[in-house]
Amino acid sequence: MNDETNPNNETSVMESPTSANSPRSGTSRRGFASMNREKQREIASKGGKAAHAKGTAHEFTPDEARQAGRKGGLAVSQNREHMANIGRQGGKK
């Protein structure tokens, strides 16, 4: 494919880097997980904005947010070494 019809130089299914006879390497060049973090964030941001604009996005109530924070705090506090490091930091910035 030339750059005019494929400006992002993406590989199509027909141009797969592995042939049917070669073993797969275990990594794929397709899908969300194969993208770099910046591209993932960009796509996720667009999805979130679209959901909010459409009115279907989930918005936490104060009670839901409180429960989520408590759950996260309990999970973190199970790691005693991590909590000790936090305690040693005290009021330092």
N, C-alpha and C. Protein backbone atom coordinates (compact mmCIF):
# COMPACT_ATOMS: atom_id res chain seq x y z
N MET A 1 0.84 -1.20 0.00
CA MET A 1 0.00 0.00 0.00
C MET A 1 0.86 1.24 0.00
N ASN A 2 0.43 2.26 -0.69
CA ASN A 2 1.21 3.49 -0.67
C ASN A 2 0.68 4.42 0.40
N ASP A 3 1.41 5.49 0.67
CA ASP A 3 1.06 6.41 1.75
C ASP A 3 -0.19 7.23 1.46
N GLU A 4 -0.57 7.37 0.17
CA GLU A 4 -1.76 8.15 -0.15
C GLU A 4 -3.02 7.43 0.30
N THR A 5 -3.10 6.13 0.13
CA THR A 5 -4.30 5.39 0.54
C THR A 5 -4.23 4.94 1.99
N ASN A 6 -3.06 4.97 2.59
CA ASN A 6 -2.88 4.53 3.96
C ASN A 6 -1.94 5.51 4.66
N PRO A 7 -2.45 6.70 5.03
CA PRO A 7 -1.56 7.73 5.58
C PRO A 7 -0.88 7.36 6.89
N ASN A 8 -1.47 6.47 7.68
CA ASN A 8 -0.87 6.08 8.95
C ASN A 8 0.07 4.89 8.81
N ASN A 9 0.22 4.39 7.58
CA ASN A 9 1.11 3.28 7.31
C ASN A 9 0.75 2.05 8.14
N GLU A 10 -0.54 1.81 8.34
CA GLU A 10 -0.98 0.68 9.14
C GLU A 10 -0.99 -0.58 8.30
N THR A 11 -0.77 -1.71 8.95
CA THR A 11 -0.77 -2.99 8.27
C THR A 11 -2.19 -3.52 8.23
N SER A 12 -2.65 -3.92 7.07
CA SER A 12 -3.99 -4.48 6.97
C SER A 12 -3.94 -5.96 7.28
N VAL A 13 -5.11 -6.58 7.39
CA VAL A 13 -5.18 -8.01 7.67
C VAL A 13 -4.49 -8.80 6.57
N MET A 14 -4.65 -8.35 5.35
CA MET A 14 -4.05 -9.06 4.22
C MET A 14 -2.53 -8.94 4.21
N GLU A 15 -1.99 -7.93 4.85
CA GLU A 15 -0.54 -7.71 4.86
C GLU A 15 0.07 -8.10 6.20
N SER A 16 -0.46 -9.10 6.83
CA SER A 16 0.00 -9.52 8.14
C SER A 16 1.50 -9.82 8.13
N PRO A 17 2.22 -9.36 9.17
CA PRO A 17 3.67 -9.59 9.20
C PRO A 17 4.03 -11.06 9.38
N THR A 18 3.10 -11.88 9.84
CA THR A 18 3.37 -13.31 9.97
C THR A 18 2.54 -14.04 8.93
N SER A 19 3.12 -15.01 8.30
CA SER A 19 2.38 -15.78 7.31
C SER A 19 1.71 -16.96 8.00
N ALA A 20 0.84 -17.62 7.28
CA ALA A 20 0.10 -18.75 7.84
C ALA A 20 1.04 -19.89 8.23
N ASN A 21 2.20 -19.97 7.59
CA ASN A 21 3.14 -21.06 7.86
C ASN A 21 4.11 -20.76 8.99
N SER A 22 4.23 -19.51 9.39
CA SER A 22 5.20 -19.17 10.43
C SER A 22 4.54 -19.16 11.80
N PRO A 23 5.29 -19.53 12.84
CA PRO A 23 4.71 -19.51 14.20
C PRO A 23 4.50 -18.08 14.67
N ARG A 24 3.48 -17.88 15.45
CA ARG A 24 3.20 -16.55 15.97
C ARG A 24 4.18 -16.24 17.09
N SER A 25 4.57 -15.00 17.19
CA SER A 25 5.57 -14.60 18.18
C SER A 25 4.95 -14.33 19.55
N GLY A 26 3.61 -14.30 19.64
CA GLY A 26 2.97 -14.02 20.91
C GLY A 26 2.62 -12.55 21.08
N THR A 27 3.05 -11.73 20.14
CA THR A 27 2.69 -10.32 20.20
C THR A 27 1.90 -9.98 18.96
N SER A 28 0.98 -9.07 19.13
CA SER A 28 0.13 -8.66 18.03
C SER A 28 0.31 -7.18 17.77
N ARG A 29 0.17 -6.79 16.53
CA ARG A 29 0.26 -5.38 16.18
C ARG A 29 -1.13 -4.80 16.04
N ARG A 30 -2.14 -5.56 16.48
CA ARG A 30 -3.52 -5.13 16.36
C ARG A 30 -4.12 -4.92 17.74
N GLY A 31 -5.13 -4.07 17.81
CA GLY A 31 -5.89 -3.92 19.03
C GLY A 31 -5.42 -2.80 19.94
N PHE A 32 -6.27 -2.50 20.89
CA PHE A 32 -6.05 -1.41 21.83
C PHE A 32 -4.80 -1.61 22.66
N ALA A 33 -4.59 -2.82 23.13
CA ALA A 33 -3.45 -3.11 24.01
C ALA A 33 -2.11 -2.96 23.31
N SER A 34 -2.09 -3.07 21.99
CA SER A 34 -0.82 -2.97 21.27
C SER A 34 -0.42 -1.51 21.01
N MET A 35 -1.33 -0.57 21.28
CA MET A 35 -1.04 0.84 21.04
C MET A 35 -0.18 1.42 22.17
N ASN A 36 0.52 2.50 21.87
CA ASN A 36 1.28 3.14 22.94
C ASN A 36 0.31 3.85 23.89
N ARG A 37 0.77 4.14 25.08
CA ARG A 37 -0.09 4.72 26.13
C ARG A 37 -0.75 6.03 25.69
N GLU A 38 0.01 6.85 24.98
CA GLU A 38 -0.53 8.15 24.55
C GLU A 38 -1.74 7.97 23.63
N LYS A 39 -1.63 7.03 22.69
CA LYS A 39 -2.72 6.76 21.76
C LYS A 39 -3.92 6.16 22.51
N GLN A 40 -3.67 5.28 23.47
CA GLN A 40 -4.75 4.71 24.28
C GLN A 40 -5.48 5.80 25.04
N ARG A 41 -4.73 6.71 25.65
CA ARG A 41 -5.34 7.81 26.42
C ARG A 41 -6.19 8.70 25.52
N GLU A 42 -5.68 8.96 24.33
CA GLU A 42 -6.41 9.81 23.38
C GLU A 42 -7.75 9.18 23.01
N ILE A 43 -7.73 7.90 22.70
CA ILE A 43 -8.96 7.20 22.32
C ILE A 43 -9.92 7.11 23.51
N ALA A 44 -9.40 6.77 24.68
CA ALA A 44 -10.24 6.67 25.87
C ALA A 44 -10.86 8.01 26.23
N SER A 45 -10.10 9.07 26.06
CA SER A 45 -10.61 10.41 26.34
C SER A 45 -11.77 10.76 25.42
N LYS A 46 -11.62 10.43 24.14
CA LYS A 46 -12.70 10.68 23.19
C LYS A 46 -13.96 9.90 23.57
N GLY A 47 -13.77 8.66 24.01
CA GLY A 47 -14.91 7.84 24.42
C GLY A 47 -15.60 8.41 25.64
N GLY A 48 -14.82 8.86 26.60
CA GLY A 48 -15.40 9.45 27.80
C GLY A 48 -16.16 10.72 27.50
N LYS A 49 -15.59 11.56 26.65
CA LYS A 49 -16.26 12.81 26.28
C LYS A 49 -17.56 12.53 25.54
N ALA A 50 -17.53 11.53 24.65
CA ALA A 50 -18.73 11.18 23.90
C ALA A 50 -19.82 10.65 24.83
N ALA A 51 -19.42 9.83 25.81
CA ALA A 51 -20.40 9.27 26.75
C ALA A 51 -21.03 10.37 27.60
N HIS A 52 -20.23 11.33 28.02
CA HIS A 52 -20.77 12.44 28.81
C HIS A 52 -21.70 13.30 27.95
N ALA A 53 -21.32 13.54 26.71
CA ALA A 53 -22.15 14.35 25.81
C ALA A 53 -23.48 13.65 25.54
N LYS A 54 -23.43 12.32 25.44
CA LYS A 54 -24.64 11.53 25.17
C LYS A 54 -25.49 11.36 26.42
N GLY A 55 -24.86 11.52 27.58
CA GLY A 55 -25.58 11.37 28.84
C GLY A 55 -25.58 9.96 29.38
N THR A 56 -24.70 9.11 28.86
CA THR A 56 -24.66 7.71 29.31
C THR A 56 -23.46 7.41 30.19
N ALA A 57 -22.64 8.40 30.47
CA ALA A 57 -21.45 8.18 31.29
C ALA A 57 -21.84 8.00 32.76
N HIS A 58 -21.12 7.15 33.45
CA HIS A 58 -21.38 6.94 34.87
C HIS A 58 -20.74 8.08 35.66
N GLU A 59 -21.51 8.65 36.54
CA GLU A 59 -20.97 9.68 37.44
C GLU A 59 -21.19 9.20 38.86
N PHE A 60 -20.12 9.17 39.63
CA PHE A 60 -20.19 8.68 40.99
C PHE A 60 -21.00 9.62 41.88
N THR A 61 -21.85 9.02 42.70
CA THR A 61 -22.52 9.79 43.74
C THR A 61 -21.51 9.95 44.87
N PRO A 62 -21.74 10.89 45.78
CA PRO A 62 -20.79 11.02 46.90
C PRO A 62 -20.63 9.72 47.70
N ASP A 63 -21.72 8.96 47.85
CA ASP A 63 -21.63 7.70 48.59
C ASP A 63 -20.80 6.67 47.83
N GLU A 64 -20.99 6.57 46.51
CA GLU A 64 -20.20 5.63 45.71
C GLU A 64 -18.71 6.00 45.76
N ALA A 65 -18.42 7.28 45.68
CA ALA A 65 -17.03 7.73 45.73
C ALA A 65 -16.42 7.40 47.09
N ARG A 66 -17.18 7.58 48.15
CA ARG A 66 -16.70 7.28 49.49
C ARG A 66 -16.39 5.79 49.62
N GLN A 67 -17.29 4.94 49.10
CA GLN A 67 -17.07 3.49 49.17
C GLN A 67 -15.84 3.08 48.36
N ALA A 68 -15.68 3.67 47.17
CA ALA A 68 -14.52 3.33 46.34
C ALA A 68 -13.23 3.75 47.02
N GLY A 69 -13.22 4.92 47.62
CA GLY A 69 -12.04 5.39 48.34
C GLY A 69 -11.70 4.51 49.52
N ARG A 70 -12.73 4.07 50.23
CA ARG A 70 -12.51 3.19 51.38
C ARG A 70 -11.93 1.86 50.91
N LYS A 71 -12.48 1.32 49.81
CA LYS A 71 -12.02 0.04 49.29
C LYS A 71 -10.55 0.14 48.85
N GLY A 72 -10.20 1.23 48.15
CA GLY A 72 -8.82 1.43 47.73
C GLY A 72 -7.88 1.59 48.91
N GLY A 73 -8.34 2.33 49.92
CA GLY A 73 -7.52 2.53 51.12
C GLY A 73 -7.26 1.23 51.86
N LEU A 74 -8.28 0.37 51.91
CA LEU A 74 -8.10 -0.93 52.57
C LEU A 74 -7.10 -1.79 51.81
N ALA A 75 -7.17 -1.75 50.49
CA ALA A 75 -6.25 -2.55 49.68
C ALA A 75 -4.81 -2.08 49.87
N VAL A 76 -4.61 -0.78 49.88
CA VAL A 76 -3.27 -0.22 50.04
C VAL A 76 -2.73 -0.51 51.43
N SER A 77 -3.60 -0.39 52.42
CA SER A 77 -3.13 -0.55 53.80
C SER A 77 -2.74 -1.99 54.13
N GLN A 78 -3.07 -2.94 53.27
CA GLN A 78 -2.65 -4.33 53.48
C GLN A 78 -1.14 -4.49 53.28
N ASN A 79 -0.54 -3.58 52.54
CA ASN A 79 0.89 -3.63 52.27
C ASN A 79 1.60 -2.85 53.37
N ARG A 80 2.02 -3.53 54.40
CA ARG A 80 2.59 -2.88 55.59
C ARG A 80 3.88 -2.12 55.27
N GLU A 81 4.69 -2.65 54.37
CA GLU A 81 5.93 -1.97 54.02
C GLU A 81 5.62 -0.62 53.36
N HIS A 82 4.64 -0.63 52.47
CA HIS A 82 4.24 0.62 51.81
C HIS A 82 3.72 1.63 52.83
N MET A 83 2.90 1.18 53.76
CA MET A 83 2.35 2.08 54.78
C MET A 83 3.46 2.62 55.68
N ALA A 84 4.46 1.78 55.99
CA ALA A 84 5.58 2.23 56.82
C ALA A 84 6.37 3.32 56.10
N ASN A 85 6.56 3.14 54.78
CA ASN A 85 7.26 4.17 54.00
C ASN A 85 6.49 5.48 53.99
N ILE A 86 5.19 5.40 53.88
CA ILE A 86 4.35 6.60 53.92
C ILE A 86 4.51 7.28 55.27
N GLY A 87 4.47 6.49 56.35
CA GLY A 87 4.61 7.04 57.70
C GLY A 87 5.95 7.71 57.92
N ARG A 88 7.02 7.12 57.35
CA ARG A 88 8.34 7.71 57.50
C ARG A 88 8.45 9.06 56.79
N GLN A 89 7.68 9.24 55.73
CA GLN A 89 7.72 10.50 55.00
C GLN A 89 7.13 11.64 55.81
N GLY A 90 6.17 11.33 56.65
CA GLY A 90 5.56 12.35 57.50
C GLY A 90 5.04 13.51 56.70
N GLY A 91 5.38 14.71 57.12
CA GLY A 91 4.91 15.91 56.46
C GLY A 91 5.83 16.40 55.35
N LYS A 92 6.83 15.61 54.98
CA LYS A 92 7.75 16.01 53.91
C LYS A 92 7.03 16.10 52.59
N LYS A 93 7.56 16.93 51.72
CA LYS A 93 6.99 17.03 50.38
C LYS A 93 7.91 16.38 49.39
